[in-house]
C-alpha atoms as a PDB file:
ATOM      1  CA  MET A   1     -16.511 -14.377   9.508  1.00  0.00           C
ATOM      2  CA  THR A   2     -13.180 -14.597   7.778  1.00  0.00           C
ATOM      3  CA  GLY A   3     -10.273 -12.238   7.808  1.00  0.00           C
ATOM      4  CA  CYS A   4      -6.710 -11.802   6.711  1.00  0.00           C
ATOM      5  CA  GLN A   5      -3.646 -11.624   8.906  1.00  0.00           C
ATOM      6  CA  GLY A   6      -0.457 -10.028   7.596  1.00  0.00           C
ATOM      7  CA  GLU A   7       2.967 -11.136   8.773  1.00  0.00           C
ATOM      8  CA  MET A   8       4.368  -7.790   9.916  1.00  0.00           C
ATOM      9  CA  VAL A   9       2.189  -6.444  12.732  1.00  0.00           C
ATOM     10  CA  ASN A  10       2.641  -2.934  14.166  1.00  0.00           C
ATOM     11  CA  GLU A  11       5.752  -2.290  12.049  1.00  0.00           C
ATOM     12  CA  GLU A  12       6.774   0.964  10.372  1.00  0.00           C
ATOM     13  CA  PHE A  13       7.129   1.220   6.585  1.00  0.00           C
ATOM     14  CA  ASP A  14       8.128   4.025   4.247  1.00  0.00           C
ATOM     15  CA  VAL A  15       5.223   4.452   1.820  1.00  0.00           C
ATOM     16  CA  TYR A  16       5.380   6.494  -1.388  1.00  0.00           C
ATOM     17  CA  ILE A  17       2.398   6.753  -3.753  1.00  0.00           C
ATOM     18  CA  GLU A  18       2.061   8.926  -6.830  1.00  0.00           C
ATOM     19  CA  ASP A  19      -0.557   9.118  -9.549  1.00  0.00           C
ATOM     20  CA  THR A  20       0.238   8.662 -13.245  1.00  0.00           C
ATOM     21  CA  GLU A  21       0.664  12.430 -13.647  1.00  0.00           C
ATOM     22  CA  GLY A  22       3.474  12.401 -11.058  1.00  0.00           C
ATOM     23  CA  ASN A  23       1.468  14.010  -8.249  1.00  0.00           C
ATOM     24  CA  VAL A  24       2.605  12.714  -4.856  1.00  0.00           C
ATOM     25  CA  ILE A  25      -0.342  11.345  -2.877  1.00  0.00           C
ATOM     26  CA  VAL A  26       1.509   9.754   0.066  1.00  0.00           C
ATOM     27  CA  ASP A  27       5.142  10.164   1.147  1.00  0.00           C
ATOM     28  CA  GLU A  28       5.396   9.179   4.778  1.00  0.00           C
ATOM     29  CA  THR A  29       6.242   6.518   7.302  1.00  0.00           C
ATOM     30  CA  MET A  30       3.160   4.481   8.139  1.00  0.00           C
ATOM     31  CA  LYS A  31       2.592   1.809  10.759  1.00  0.00           C
ATOM     32  CA  SER A  32       0.876  -1.472   9.982  1.00  0.00           C
ATOM     33  CA  GLN A  33      -2.171  -2.332  12.052  1.00  0.00           C
ATOM     34  CA  ALA A  34      -2.760  -5.259  14.408  1.00  0.00           C
ATOM     35  CA  ASN A  35      -3.826  -7.309  11.361  1.00  0.00           C
ATOM     36  CA  GLY A  36      -0.481  -6.582   9.617  1.00  0.00           C
ATOM     37  CA  PHE A  37      -1.985  -4.369   6.900  1.00  0.00           C
ATOM     38  CA  ILE A  38      -1.481  -0.700   6.099  1.00  0.00           C
ATOM     39  CA  ASP A  39      -4.722   1.176   5.510  1.00  0.00           C
ATOM     40  CA  PHE A  40      -4.991   4.247   3.306  1.00  0.00           C
ATOM     41  CA  TRP A  41      -7.593   5.884   1.091  1.00  0.00           C
ATOM     42  CA  LEU A  42      -6.878   6.954  -2.479  1.00  0.00           C
ATOM     43  CA  PRO A  43      -9.032   9.094  -4.777  1.00  0.00           C
ATOM     44  CA  ARG A  44     -11.320   7.095  -7.093  1.00  0.00           C
ATOM     45  CA  ASP A  45     -10.931   6.388 -10.790  1.00  0.00           C
ATOM     46  CA  LYS A  46      -7.160   6.761 -10.987  1.00  0.00           C
ATOM     47  CA  LYS A  47      -4.010   4.680 -11.380  1.00  0.00           C
ATOM     48  CA  TYR A  48      -1.119   4.896  -8.924  1.00  0.00           C
ATOM     49  CA  ARG A  49       2.470   3.754  -8.523  1.00  0.00           C
ATOM     50  CA  ILE A  50       3.286   2.612  -5.003  1.00  0.00           C
ATOM     51  CA  THR A  51       6.608   1.880  -3.333  1.00  0.00           C
ATOM     52  CA  ILE A  52       6.851   0.393   0.165  1.00  0.00           C
ATOM     53  CA  SER A  53      10.226   0.029   1.894  1.00  0.00           C
ATOM     54  CA  LYS A  54      11.491  -1.372   5.178  1.00  0.00           C
ATOM     55  CA  ASP A  55      14.969  -2.308   6.369  1.00  0.00           C
ATOM     56  CA  GLY A  56      16.512  -2.102   2.897  1.00  0.00           C
ATOM     57  CA  LYS A  57      13.778  -4.196   1.257  1.00  0.00           C
ATOM     58  CA  THR A  58      11.350  -2.709  -1.237  1.00  0.00           C
ATOM     59  CA  VAL A  59       8.266  -3.585  -3.234  1.00  0.00           C
ATOM     60  CA  GLU A  60       6.923  -1.561  -6.152  1.00  0.00           C
ATOM     61  CA  SER A  61       3.529  -2.030  -7.741  1.00  0.00           C
ATOM     62  CA  GLU A  62       0.711  -0.322  -9.575  1.00  0.00           C
ATOM     63  CA  LEU A  63      -2.747   0.125  -8.082  1.00  0.00           C
ATOM     64  CA  SER A  64      -5.956   1.525  -9.458  1.00  0.00           C
ATOM     65  CA  THR A  65      -9.197   2.662  -7.888  1.00  0.00           C
ATOM     66  CA  TYR A  66     -11.779   2.065 -10.578  1.00  0.00           C
ATOM     67  CA  GLU A  67     -15.205   0.636  -9.742  1.00  0.00           C
ATOM     68  CA  ASN A  68     -14.360  -3.080 -10.058  1.00  0.00           C
ATOM     69  CA  ASP A  69     -10.792  -2.939  -8.692  1.00  0.00           C
ATOM     70  CA  ALA A  70      -9.739  -4.856  -5.597  1.00  0.00           C
ATOM     71  CA  THR A  71      -9.768  -2.893  -2.352  1.00  0.00           C
ATOM     72  CA  CYS A  72      -7.574  -5.303  -0.395  1.00  0.00           C
ATOM     73  CA  ILE A  73      -4.168  -5.981  -1.950  1.00  0.00           C
ATOM     74  CA  THR A  74      -2.365  -8.988  -0.471  1.00  0.00           C
ATOM     75  CA  THR A  75       0.218  -9.705  -3.156  1.00  0.00           C
ATOM     76  CA  MET A  76       2.882  -7.097  -2.367  1.00  0.00           C
ATOM     77  CA  GLN A  77       5.942  -8.662  -0.709  1.00  0.00           C
ATOM     78  CA  LEU A  78       9.155  -6.950   0.322  1.00  0.00           C
ATOM     79  CA  THR A  79      12.244  -8.354  -1.392  1.00  0.00           C
END
């Protein structure tokens, strides 16, 4: 078996996610898991804007949940 290991384990992040209509889906502080990833479920067949912040660093990205979209995003880095 293979797996991924994130760099920031058991850390708290401010997570904000809204859909393209401006509806807020997530607006809370979330803790990364032992593997360094944050896990959340989003409704299918939509596009989202996501912002993750920690200690003055932020990353913004777009995600989508269509049938062939990735379910594990590893490219978001705080800057």
